[in-house]
Amino acid sequence: PIVYGYPSYELWEEEEKGNLKLGGCKIDPNNPEWHCK
């Protein structure tokens, strides 16, 4: 999943593990929700 908004420390850790992708702080209804590794 792609997660938007200001990330917590836990979200940074999950991104480092490859469990999610941080999408940035701009939240838009047209933002993609999924990322293929």
PDB file of all heavy atoms in Angstrom:
ATOM      1  N   PRO A   1       0.825  -1.206   0.000  1.00  0.00           N
ATOM      2  CA  PRO A   1       0.000   0.000   0.000  1.00  0.00           C
ATOM      3  C   PRO A   1       0.865   1.264   0.000  1.00  0.00           C
ATOM      4  O   PRO A   1       2.007   1.251   0.469  1.00  0.00           O
ATOM      5  CB  PRO A   1      -0.795  -0.105   1.302  1.00  0.00           C
ATOM      6  CG  PRO A   1       0.066  -0.930   2.194  1.00  0.00           C
ATOM      7  CD  PRO A   1       0.789  -1.902   1.278  1.00  0.00           C
ATOM      8  N   ILE A   2       0.308   2.343  -0.529  1.00  0.00           N
ATOM      9  CA  ILE A   2       0.949   3.653  -0.473  1.00  0.00           C
ATOM     10  C   ILE A   2       0.221   4.440   0.603  1.00  0.00           C
ATOM     11  O   ILE A   2      -1.010   4.547   0.584  1.00  0.00           O
ATOM     12  CB  ILE A   2       0.868   4.379  -1.830  1.00  0.00           C
ATOM     13  CG1 ILE A   2       1.512   3.540  -2.930  1.00  0.00           C
ATOM     14  CG2 ILE A   2       1.535   5.757  -1.724  1.00  0.00           C
ATOM     15  CD1 ILE A   2       1.324   4.097  -4.330  1.00  0.00           C
ATOM     16  N   VAL A   3       0.978   4.989   1.554  1.00  0.00           N
ATOM     17  CA  VAL A   3       0.400   5.724   2.678  1.00  0.00           C
ATOM     18  C   VAL A   3       0.738   7.201   2.521  1.00  0.00           C
ATOM     19  O   VAL A   3       1.895   7.560   2.293  1.00  0.00           O
ATOM     20  CB  VAL A   3       0.944   5.184   4.024  1.00  0.00           C
ATOM     21  CG1 VAL A   3       0.373   5.962   5.187  1.00  0.00           C
ATOM     22  CG2 VAL A   3       0.637   3.700   4.160  1.00  0.00           C
ATOM     23  N   TYR A   4      -0.276   8.044   2.669  1.00  0.00           N
ATOM     24  CA  TYR A   4      -0.111   9.489   2.520  1.00  0.00           C
ATOM     25  C   TYR A   4      -0.282  10.188   3.859  1.00  0.00           C
ATOM     26  O   TYR A   4      -0.896   9.665   4.776  1.00  0.00           O
ATOM     27  CB  TYR A   4      -1.136  10.040   1.518  1.00  0.00           C
ATOM     28  CG  TYR A   4      -0.918   9.496   0.132  1.00  0.00           C
ATOM     29  CD1 TYR A   4      -1.559   8.349  -0.300  1.00  0.00           C
ATOM     30  CD2 TYR A   4      -0.041  10.125  -0.736  1.00  0.00           C
ATOM     31  CE1 TYR A   4      -1.345   7.844  -1.569  1.00  0.00           C
ATOM     32  CE2 TYR A   4       0.189   9.623  -2.010  1.00  0.00           C
ATOM     33  CZ  TYR A   4      -0.471   8.481  -2.413  1.00  0.00           C
ATOM     34  OH  TYR A   4      -0.244   7.981  -3.663  1.00  0.00           O
ATOM     35  N   GLY A   5       0.261  11.394   3.947  1.00  0.00           N
ATOM     36  CA  GLY A   5       0.181  12.185   5.163  1.00  0.00           C
ATOM     37  C   GLY A   5       1.535  12.245   5.839  1.00  0.00           C
ATOM     38  O   GLY A   5       2.511  11.633   5.398  1.00  0.00           O
ATOM     39  N   TYR A   6       1.604  13.002   6.931  1.00  0.00           N
ATOM     40  CA  TYR A   6       2.853  13.125   7.674  1.00  0.00           C
ATOM     41  C   TYR A   6       3.128  11.804   8.385  1.00  0.00           C
ATOM     42  O   TYR A   6       2.347  11.368   9.223  1.00  0.00           O
ATOM     43  CB  TYR A   6       2.764  14.276   8.672  1.00  0.00           C
ATOM     44  CG  TYR A   6       4.083  14.590   9.312  1.00  0.00           C
ATOM     45  CD1 TYR A   6       5.017  15.364   8.647  1.00  0.00           C
ATOM     46  CD2 TYR A   6       4.401  14.106  10.570  1.00  0.00           C
ATOM     47  CE1 TYR A   6       6.242  15.654   9.214  1.00  0.00           C
ATOM     48  CE2 TYR A   6       5.620  14.384  11.155  1.00  0.00           C
ATOM     49  CZ  TYR A   6       6.532  15.163  10.470  1.00  0.00           C
ATOM     50  OH  TYR A   6       7.751  15.444  11.042  1.00  0.00           O
ATOM     51  N   PRO A   7       4.244  11.137   8.069  1.00  0.00           N
ATOM     52  CA  PRO A   7       4.484   9.790   8.610  1.00  0.00           C
ATOM     53  C   PRO A   7       5.016   9.781  10.036  1.00  0.00           C
ATOM     54  O   PRO A   7       5.796  10.647  10.432  1.00  0.00           O
ATOM     55  CB  PRO A   7       5.530   9.215   7.658  1.00  0.00           C
ATOM     56  CG  PRO A   7       6.279  10.414   7.179  1.00  0.00           C
ATOM     57  CD  PRO A   7       5.272  11.530   7.114  1.00  0.00           C
ATOM     58  N   SER A   8       4.593   8.792  10.780  1.00  0.00           N
ATOM     59  CA  SER A   8       5.134   8.555  12.115  1.00  0.00           C
ATOM     60  C   SER A   8       6.451   7.793  11.980  1.00  0.00           C
ATOM     61  O   SER A   8       6.803   7.310  10.897  1.00  0.00           O
ATOM     62  CB  SER A   8       4.143   7.722  12.934  1.00  0.00           C
ATOM     63  OG  SER A   8       4.014   6.428  12.369  1.00  0.00           O
ATOM     64  N   TYR A   9       7.157   7.664  13.084  1.00  0.00           N
ATOM     65  CA  TYR A   9       8.406   6.898  13.092  1.00  0.00           C
ATOM     66  C   TYR A   9       8.141   5.448  12.680  1.00  0.00           C
ATOM     67  O   TYR A   9       8.923   4.847  11.939  1.00  0.00           O
ATOM     68  CB  TYR A   9       9.054   6.960  14.480  1.00  0.00           C
ATOM     69  CG  TYR A   9      10.339   6.185  14.558  1.00  0.00           C
ATOM     70  CD1 TYR A   9      11.506   6.696  13.988  1.00  0.00           C
ATOM     71  CD2 TYR A   9      10.389   4.946  15.192  1.00  0.00           C
ATOM     72  CE1 TYR A   9      12.694   5.985  14.030  1.00  0.00           C
ATOM     73  CE2 TYR A   9      11.581   4.230  15.249  1.00  0.00           C
ATOM     74  CZ  TYR A   9      12.724   4.753  14.673  1.00  0.00           C
ATOM     75  OH  TYR A   9      13.892   4.039  14.721  1.00  0.00           O
ATOM     76  N   GLU A  10       7.005   4.898  13.152  1.00  0.00           N
ATOM     77  CA  GLU A  10       6.658   3.516  12.838  1.00  0.00           C
ATOM     78  C   GLU A  10       6.443   3.330  11.331  1.00  0.00           C
ATOM     79  O   GLU A  10       6.824   2.311  10.760  1.00  0.00           O
ATOM     80  CB  GLU A  10       5.406   3.081  13.607  1.00  0.00           C
ATOM     81  CG  GLU A  10       5.631   2.917  15.097  1.00  0.00           C
ATOM     82  CD  GLU A  10       5.612   4.234  15.881  1.00  0.00           C
ATOM     83  OE1 GLU A  10       5.212   5.290  15.311  1.00  0.00           O
ATOM     84  OE2 GLU A  10       6.014   4.217  17.046  1.00  0.00           O
ATOM     85  N   LEU A  11       5.833   4.331  10.686  1.00  0.00           N
ATOM     86  CA  LEU A  11       5.642   4.234   9.236  1.00  0.00           C
ATOM     87  C   LEU A  11       6.974   4.282   8.501  1.00  0.00           C
ATOM     88  O   LEU A  11       7.167   3.577   7.507  1.00  0.00           O
ATOM     89  CB  LEU A  11       4.717   5.341   8.735  1.00  0.00           C
ATOM     90  CG  LEU A  11       3.241   5.176   9.080  1.00  0.00           C
ATOM     91  CD1 LEU A  11       2.446   6.388   8.621  1.00  0.00           C
ATOM     92  CD2 LEU A  11       2.681   3.911   8.456  1.00  0.00           C
ATOM     93  N   TRP A  12       7.907   5.114   8.969  1.00  0.00           N
ATOM     94  CA  TRP A  12       9.247   5.145   8.365  1.00  0.00           C
ATOM     95  C   TRP A  12       9.896   3.757   8.466  1.00  0.00           C
ATOM     96  O   TRP A  12      10.517   3.275   7.520  1.00  0.00           O
ATOM     97  CB  TRP A  12      10.145   6.169   9.055  1.00  0.00           C
ATOM     98  CG  TRP A  12       9.875   7.585   8.683  1.00  0.00           C
ATOM     99  CD1 TRP A  12       9.252   8.533   9.442  1.00  0.00           C
ATOM    100  CD2 TRP A  12      10.228   8.238   7.459  1.00  0.00           C
ATOM    101  NE1 TRP A  12       9.186   9.725   8.760  1.00  0.00           N
ATOM    102  CE2 TRP A  12       9.780   9.575   7.541  1.00  0.00           C
ATOM    103  CE3 TRP A  12      10.864   7.816   6.302  1.00  0.00           C
ATOM    104  CZ2 TRP A  12       9.963  10.494   6.511  1.00  0.00           C
ATOM    105  CZ3 TRP A  12      11.046   8.733   5.275  1.00  0.00           C
ATOM    106  CH2 TRP A  12      10.591  10.045   5.388  1.00  0.00           C
ATOM    107  N   GLU A  13       9.751   3.136   9.630  1.00  0.00           N
ATOM    108  CA  GLU A  13      10.331   1.805   9.820  1.00  0.00           C
ATOM    109  C   GLU A  13       9.694   0.781   8.879  1.00  0.00           C
ATOM    110  O   GLU A  13      10.394  -0.056   8.305  1.00  0.00           O
ATOM    111  CB  GLU A  13      10.143   1.346  11.266  1.00  0.00           C
ATOM    112  CG  GLU A  13      11.042   2.049  12.250  1.00  0.00           C
ATOM    113  CD  GLU A  13      10.838   1.548  13.672  1.00  0.00           C
ATOM    114  OE1 GLU A  13       9.689   1.241  14.053  1.00  0.00           O
ATOM    115  OE2 GLU A  13      11.851   1.448  14.387  1.00  0.00           O
ATOM    116  N   GLU A  14       8.385   0.836   8.731  1.00  0.00           N
ATOM    117  CA  GLU A  14       7.684  -0.093   7.842  1.00  0.00           C
ATOM    118  C   GLU A  14       8.099   0.114   6.389  1.00  0.00           C
ATOM    119  O   GLU A  14       8.212  -0.852   5.637  1.00  0.00           O
ATOM    120  CB  GLU A  14       6.167   0.035   7.998  1.00  0.00           C
ATOM    121  CG  GLU A  14       5.639  -0.497   9.315  1.00  0.00           C
ATOM    122  CD  GLU A  14       5.956  -1.962   9.524  1.00  0.00           C
ATOM    123  OE1 GLU A  14       5.687  -2.783   8.626  1.00  0.00           O
ATOM    124  OE2 GLU A  14       6.483  -2.307  10.608  1.00  0.00           O
ATOM    125  N   GLU A  15       8.344   1.358   5.998  1.00  0.00           N
ATOM    126  CA  GLU A  15       8.823   1.606   4.642  1.00  0.00           C
ATOM    127  C   GLU A  15      10.225   1.026   4.461  1.00  0.00           C
ATOM    128  O   GLU A  15      10.526   0.417   3.434  1.00  0.00           O
ATOM    129  CB  GLU A  15       8.828   3.092   4.313  1.00  0.00           C
ATOM    130  CG  GLU A  15       9.260   3.324   2.868  1.00  0.00           C
ATOM    131  CD  GLU A  15       9.355   4.778   2.467  1.00  0.00           C
ATOM    132  OE1 GLU A  15       9.989   5.555   3.198  1.00  0.00           O
ATOM    133  OE2 GLU A  15       8.813   5.110   1.408  1.00  0.00           O
ATOM    134  N   GLU A  16      11.081   1.191   5.464  1.00  0.00           N
ATOM    135  CA  GLU A  16      12.433   0.622   5.396  1.00  0.00           C
ATOM    136  C   GLU A  16      12.399  -0.897   5.254  1.00  0.00           C
ATOM    137  O   GLU A  16      13.243  -1.473   4.583  1.00  0.00           O
ATOM    138  CB  GLU A  16      13.237   1.006   6.652  1.00  0.00           C
ATOM    139  CG  GLU A  16      13.676   2.449   6.681  1.00  0.00           C
ATOM    140  CD  GLU A  16      14.742   2.753   5.639  1.00  0.00           C
ATOM    141  OE1 GLU A  16      15.652   1.928   5.454  1.00  0.00           O
ATOM    142  OE2 GLU A  16      14.636   3.815   5.006  1.00  0.00           O
ATOM    143  N   LYS A  17      11.415  -1.536   5.873  1.00  0.00           N
ATOM    144  CA  LYS A  17      11.259  -2.994   5.784  1.00  0.00           C
ATOM    145  C   LYS A  17      10.647  -3.425   4.451  1.00  0.00           C
ATOM    146  O   LYS A  17      10.621  -4.604   4.136  1.00  0.00           O
ATOM    147  CB  LYS A  17      10.367  -3.501   6.920  1.00  0.00           C
ATOM    148  CG  LYS A  17      10.955  -3.347   8.298  1.00  0.00           C
ATOM    149  CD  LYS A  17       9.939  -3.797   9.325  1.00  0.00           C
ATOM    150  CE  LYS A  17      10.371  -3.465  10.735  1.00  0.00           C
ATOM    151  NZ  LYS A  17       9.322  -3.812  11.720  1.00  0.00           N
ATOM    152  N   GLY A  18      10.114  -2.462   3.686  1.00  0.00           N
ATOM    153  CA  GLY A  18       9.491  -2.781   2.413  1.00  0.00           C
ATOM    154  C   GLY A  18       8.036  -3.170   2.511  1.00  0.00           C
ATOM    155  O   GLY A  18       7.473  -3.742   1.582  1.00  0.00           O
ATOM    156  N   ASN A  19       7.400  -2.847   3.646  1.00  0.00           N
ATOM    157  CA  ASN A  19       6.003  -3.222   3.857  1.00  0.00           C
ATOM    158  C   ASN A  19       5.007  -2.205   3.325  1.00  0.00           C
ATOM    159  O   ASN A  19       3.815  -2.500   3.218  1.00  0.00           O
ATOM    160  CB  ASN A  19       5.737  -3.450   5.343  1.00  0.00           C
ATOM    161  CG  ASN A  19       6.516  -4.616   5.876  1.00  0.00           C
ATOM    162  OD1 ASN A  19       6.821  -5.556   5.152  1.00  0.00           O
ATOM    163  ND2 ASN A  19       6.868  -4.556   7.146  1.00  0.00           N
ATOM    164  N   LEU A  20       5.466  -0.995   3.032  1.00  0.00           N
ATOM    165  CA  LEU A  20       4.616   0.043   2.482  1.00  0.00           C
ATOM    166  C   LEU A  20       5.480   1.093   1.816  1.00  0.00           C
ATOM    167  O   LEU A  20       6.693   1.093   1.967  1.00  0.00           O
ATOM    168  CB  LEU A  20       3.728   0.688   3.565  1.00  0.00           C
ATOM    169  CG  LEU A  20       4.417   1.368   4.758  1.00  0.00           C
ATOM    170  CD1 LEU A  20       4.777   2.808   4.461  1.00  0.00           C
ATOM    171  CD2 LEU A  20       3.479   1.326   5.946  1.00  0.00           C
ATOM    172  N   LYS A  21       4.832   1.982   1.062  1.00  0.00           N
ATOM    173  CA  LYS A  21       5.536   3.088   0.420  1.00  0.00           C
ATOM    174  C   LYS A  21       4.928   4.380   0.920  1.00  0.00           C
ATOM    175  O   LYS A  21       3.703   4.520   0.971  1.00  0.00           O
ATOM    176  CB  LYS A  21       5.406   3.004  -1.103  1.00  0.00           C
ATOM    177  CG  LYS A  21       6.106   4.151  -1.797  1.00  0.00           C
ATOM    178  CD  LYS A  21       5.995   4.055  -3.292  1.00  0.00           C
ATOM    179  CE  LYS A  21       6.701   5.277  -3.887  1.00  0.00           C
ATOM    180  NZ  LYS A  21       6.516   5.370  -5.314  1.00  0.00           N
ATOM    181  N   LEU A  22       5.769   5.320   1.320  1.00  0.00           N
ATOM    182  CA  LEU A  22       5.285   6.623   1.738  1.00  0.00           C
ATOM    183  C   LEU A  22       5.045   7.462   0.489  1.00  0.00           C
ATOM    184  O   LEU A  22       5.917   7.600  -0.357  1.00  0.00           O
ATOM    185  CB  LEU A  22       6.291   7.305   2.671  1.00  0.00           C
ATOM    186  CG  LEU A  22       6.505   6.594   4.007  1.00  0.00           C
ATOM    187  CD1 LEU A  22       7.604   7.281   4.794  1.00  0.00           C
ATOM    188  CD2 LEU A  22       5.211   6.563   4.813  1.00  0.00           C
ATOM    189  N   GLY A  23       3.842   8.023   0.392  1.00  0.00           N
ATOM    190  CA  GLY A  23       3.444   8.747  -0.807  1.00  0.00           C
ATOM    191  C   GLY A  23       3.543  10.253  -0.706  1.00  0.00           C
ATOM    192  O   GLY A  23       3.227  10.955  -1.653  1.00  0.00           O
ATOM    193  N   GLY A  24       3.963  10.766   0.446  1.00  0.00           N
ATOM    194  CA  GLY A  24       4.082  12.206   0.612  1.00  0.00           C
ATOM    195  C   GLY A  24       2.916  12.778   1.402  1.00  0.00           C
ATOM    196  O   GLY A  24       1.982  12.084   1.782  1.00  0.00           O
ATOM    197  N   CYS A  25       2.978  14.071   1.619  1.00  0.00           N
ATOM    198  CA  CYS A  25       1.992  14.734   2.467  1.00  0.00           C
ATOM    199  C   CYS A  25       0.775  15.242   1.709  1.00  0.00           C
ATOM    200  O   CYS A  25      -0.224  15.591   2.307  1.00  0.00           O
ATOM    201  CB  CYS A  25       2.641  15.891   3.221  1.00  0.00           C
ATOM    202  SG  CYS A  25       3.863  15.331   4.424  1.00  0.00           S
ATOM    203  N   LYS A  26       0.863  15.325   0.389  1.00  0.00           N
ATOM    204  CA  LYS A  26      -0.264  15.821  -0.394  1.00  0.00           C
ATOM    205  C   LYS A  26      -1.300  14.714  -0.549  1.00  0.00           C
ATOM    206  O   LYS A  26      -1.079  13.717  -1.231  1.00  0.00           O
ATOM    207  CB  LYS A  26       0.189  16.302  -1.763  1.00  0.00           C
ATOM    208  CG  LYS A  26      -0.932  16.890  -2.565  1.00  0.00           C
ATOM    209  CD  LYS A  26      -0.458  17.383  -3.912  1.00  0.00           C
ATOM    210  CE  LYS A  26      -1.662  17.907  -4.693  1.00  0.00           C
ATOM    211  NZ  LYS A  26      -1.343  18.138  -6.083  1.00  0.00           N
ATOM    212  N   ILE A  27      -2.438  14.914   0.098  1.00  0.00           N
ATOM    213  CA  ILE A  27      -3.503  13.921   0.045  1.00  0.00           C
ATOM    214  C   ILE A  27      -4.516  14.368  -0.991  1.00  0.00           C
ATOM    215  O   ILE A  27      -5.085  15.444  -0.903  1.00  0.00           O
ATOM    216  CB  ILE A  27      -4.158  13.752   1.430  1.00  0.00           C
ATOM    217  CG1 ILE A  27      -3.102  13.305   2.441  1.00  0.00           C
ATOM    218  CG2 ILE A  27      -5.309  12.771   1.360  1.00  0.00           C
ATOM    219  CD1 ILE A  27      -3.565  13.294   3.869  1.00  0.00           C
ATOM    220  N   ASP A  28      -4.711  13.538  -2.011  1.00  0.00           N
ATOM    221  CA  ASP A  28      -5.603  13.842  -3.113  1.00  0.00           C
ATOM    222  C   ASP A  28      -6.421  12.589  -3.408  1.00  0.00           C
ATOM    223  O   ASP A  28      -5.870  11.482  -3.377  1.00  0.00           O
ATOM    224  CB  ASP A  28      -4.767  14.243  -4.332  1.00  0.00           C
ATOM    225  CG  ASP A  28      -5.595  14.667  -5.506  1.00  0.00           C
ATOM    226  OD1 ASP A  28      -6.239  13.791  -6.128  1.00  0.00           O
ATOM    227  OD2 ASP A  28      -5.602  15.862  -5.824  1.00  0.00           O
ATOM    228  N   PRO A  29      -7.702  12.715  -3.702  1.00  0.00           N
ATOM    229  CA  PRO A  29      -8.503  11.518  -3.964  1.00  0.00           C
ATOM    230  C   PRO A  29      -8.053  10.731  -5.197  1.00  0.00           C
ATOM    231  O   PRO A  29      -8.412   9.573  -5.354  1.00  0.00           O
ATOM    232  CB  PRO A  29      -9.927  12.052  -4.152  1.00  0.00           C
ATOM    233  CG  PRO A  29      -9.803  13.512  -4.328  1.00  0.00           C
ATOM    234  CD  PRO A  29      -8.496  13.936  -3.743  1.00  0.00           C
ATOM    235  N   ASN A  30      -7.241  11.335  -6.045  1.00  0.00           N
ATOM    236  CA  ASN A  30      -6.755  10.637  -7.236  1.00  0.00           C
ATOM    237  C   ASN A  30      -5.384   9.993  -7.054  1.00  0.00           C
ATOM    238  O   ASN A  30      -4.843   9.414  -7.993  1.00  0.00           O
ATOM    239  CB  ASN A  30      -6.711  11.609  -8.423  1.00  0.00           C
ATOM    240  CG  ASN A  30      -8.087  12.089  -8.789  1.00  0.00           C
ATOM    241  OD1 ASN A  30      -9.038  11.320  -8.832  1.00  0.00           O
ATOM    242  ND2 ASN A  30      -8.214  13.377  -9.031  1.00  0.00           N
ATOM    243  N   ASN A  31      -4.808  10.094  -5.859  1.00  0.00           N
ATOM    244  CA  ASN A  31      -3.513   9.471  -5.590  1.00  0.00           C
ATOM    245  C   ASN A  31      -3.606   7.950  -5.753  1.00  0.00           C
ATOM    246  O   ASN A  31      -4.620   7.354  -5.383  1.00  0.00           O
ATOM    247  CB  ASN A  31      -3.049   9.767  -4.166  1.00  0.00           C
ATOM    248  CG  ASN A  31      -2.531  11.167  -3.989  1.00  0.00           C
ATOM    249  OD1 ASN A  31      -2.251  11.865  -4.943  1.00  0.00           O
ATOM    250  ND2 ASN A  31      -2.414  11.587  -2.747  1.00  0.00           N
ATOM    251  N   PRO A  32      -2.543   7.329  -6.253  1.00  0.00           N
ATOM    252  CA  PRO A  32      -2.552   5.859  -6.317  1.00  0.00           C
ATOM    253  C   PRO A  32      -2.529   5.264  -4.914  1.00  0.00           C
ATOM    254  O   PRO A  32      -2.010   5.863  -3.975  1.00  0.00           O
ATOM    255  CB  PRO A  32      -1.273   5.526  -7.083  1.00  0.00           C
ATOM    256  CG  PRO A  32      -0.409   6.718  -6.975  1.00  0.00           C
ATOM    257  CD  PRO A  32      -1.304   7.899  -6.790  1.00  0.00           C
ATOM    258  N   GLU A  33      -3.125   4.083  -4.775  1.00  0.00           N
ATOM    259  CA  GLU A  33      -3.212   3.398  -3.485  1.00  0.00           C
ATOM    260  C   GLU A  33      -2.237   2.238  -3.345  1.00  0.00           C
ATOM    261  O   GLU A  33      -1.954   1.804  -2.243  1.00  0.00           O
ATOM    262  CB  GLU A  33      -4.624   2.838  -3.283  1.00  0.00           C
ATOM    263  CG  GLU A  33      -5.703   3.872  -3.271  1.00  0.00           C
ATOM    264  CD  GLU A  33      -7.081   3.258  -3.190  1.00  0.00           C
ATOM    265  OE1 GLU A  33      -7.367   2.310  -3.962  1.00  0.00           O
ATOM    266  OE2 GLU A  33      -7.869   3.721  -2.363  1.00  0.00           O
ATOM    267  N   TRP A  34      -1.766   1.715  -4.470  1.00  0.00           N
ATOM    268  CA  TRP A  34      -0.937   0.507  -4.460  1.00  0.00           C
ATOM    269  C   TRP A  34       0.318   0.699  -5.290  1.00  0.00           C
ATOM    270  O   TRP A  34       0.315   1.416  -6.279  1.00  0.00           O
ATOM    271  CB  TRP A  34      -1.729  -0.682  -5.000  1.00  0.00           C
ATOM    272  CG  TRP A  34      -2.943  -0.966  -4.188  1.00  0.00           C
ATOM    273  CD1 TRP A  34      -4.230  -0.603  -4.476  1.00  0.00           C
ATOM    274  CD2 TRP A  34      -3.005  -1.642  -2.934  1.00  0.00           C
ATOM    275  NE1 TRP A  34      -5.072  -1.020  -3.488  1.00  0.00           N
ATOM    276  CE2 TRP A  34      -4.346  -1.660  -2.524  1.00  0.00           C
ATOM    277  CE3 TRP A  34      -2.049  -2.236  -2.113  1.00  0.00           C
ATOM    278  CZ2 TRP A  34      -4.756  -2.249  -1.329  1.00  0.00           C
ATOM    279  CZ3 TRP A  34      -2.464  -2.820  -0.933  1.00  0.00           C
ATOM    280  CH2 TRP A  34      -3.798  -2.823  -0.556  1.00  0.00           C
ATOM    281  N   HIS A  35       1.392   0.008  -4.887  1.00  0.00           N
ATOM    282  CA  HIS A  35       2.696   0.072  -5.560  1.00  0.00           C
ATOM    283  C   HIS A  35       3.194  -1.357  -5.759  1.00  0.00           C
ATOM    284  O   HIS A  35       3.253  -2.146  -4.811  1.00  0.00           O
ATOM    285  CB  HIS A  35       3.686   0.854  -4.694  1.00  0.00           C
ATOM    286  CG  HIS A  35       5.082   0.821  -5.208  1.00  0.00           C
ATOM    287  ND1 HIS A  35       5.529   1.670  -6.179  1.00  0.00           N
ATOM    288  CD2 HIS A  35       6.131   0.025  -4.875  1.00  0.00           C
ATOM    289  CE1 HIS A  35       6.803   1.414  -6.425  1.00  0.00           C
ATOM    290  NE2 HIS A  35       7.182   0.414  -5.650  1.00  0.00           N
ATOM    291  N   CYS A  36       3.561  -1.684  -6.990  1.00  0.00           N
ATOM    292  CA  CYS A  36       4.122  -3.002  -7.296  1.00  0.00           C
ATOM    293  C   CYS A  36       5.632  -2.941  -7.097  1.00  0.00           C
ATOM    294  O   CYS A  36       6.313  -2.106  -7.696  1.00  0.00           O
ATOM    295  CB  CYS A  36       3.795  -3.399  -8.729  1.00  0.00           C
ATOM    296  SG  CYS A  36       4.543  -4.977  -9.200  1.00  0.00           S
ATOM    297  N   LYS A  37       6.152  -3.822  -6.270  1.00  0.00           N
ATOM    298  CA  LYS A  37       7.585  -3.847  -5.995  1.00  0.00           C
ATOM    299  C   LYS A  37       8.386  -4.425  -7.160  1.00  0.00           C
ATOM    300  O   LYS A  37       9.582  -4.191  -7.258  1.00  0.00           O
ATOM    301  CB  LYS A  37       7.853  -4.642  -4.719  1.00  0.00           C
ATOM    302  CG  LYS A  37       7.308  -3.942  -3.474  1.00  0.00           C
ATOM    303  CD  LYS A  37       7.357  -4.813  -2.238  1.00  0.00           C
ATOM    304  CE  LYS A  37       8.737  -4.907  -1.691  1.00  0.00           C
ATOM    305  NZ  LYS A  37       8.792  -5.619  -0.393  1.00  0.00           N
TER     306      LYS A  37
END
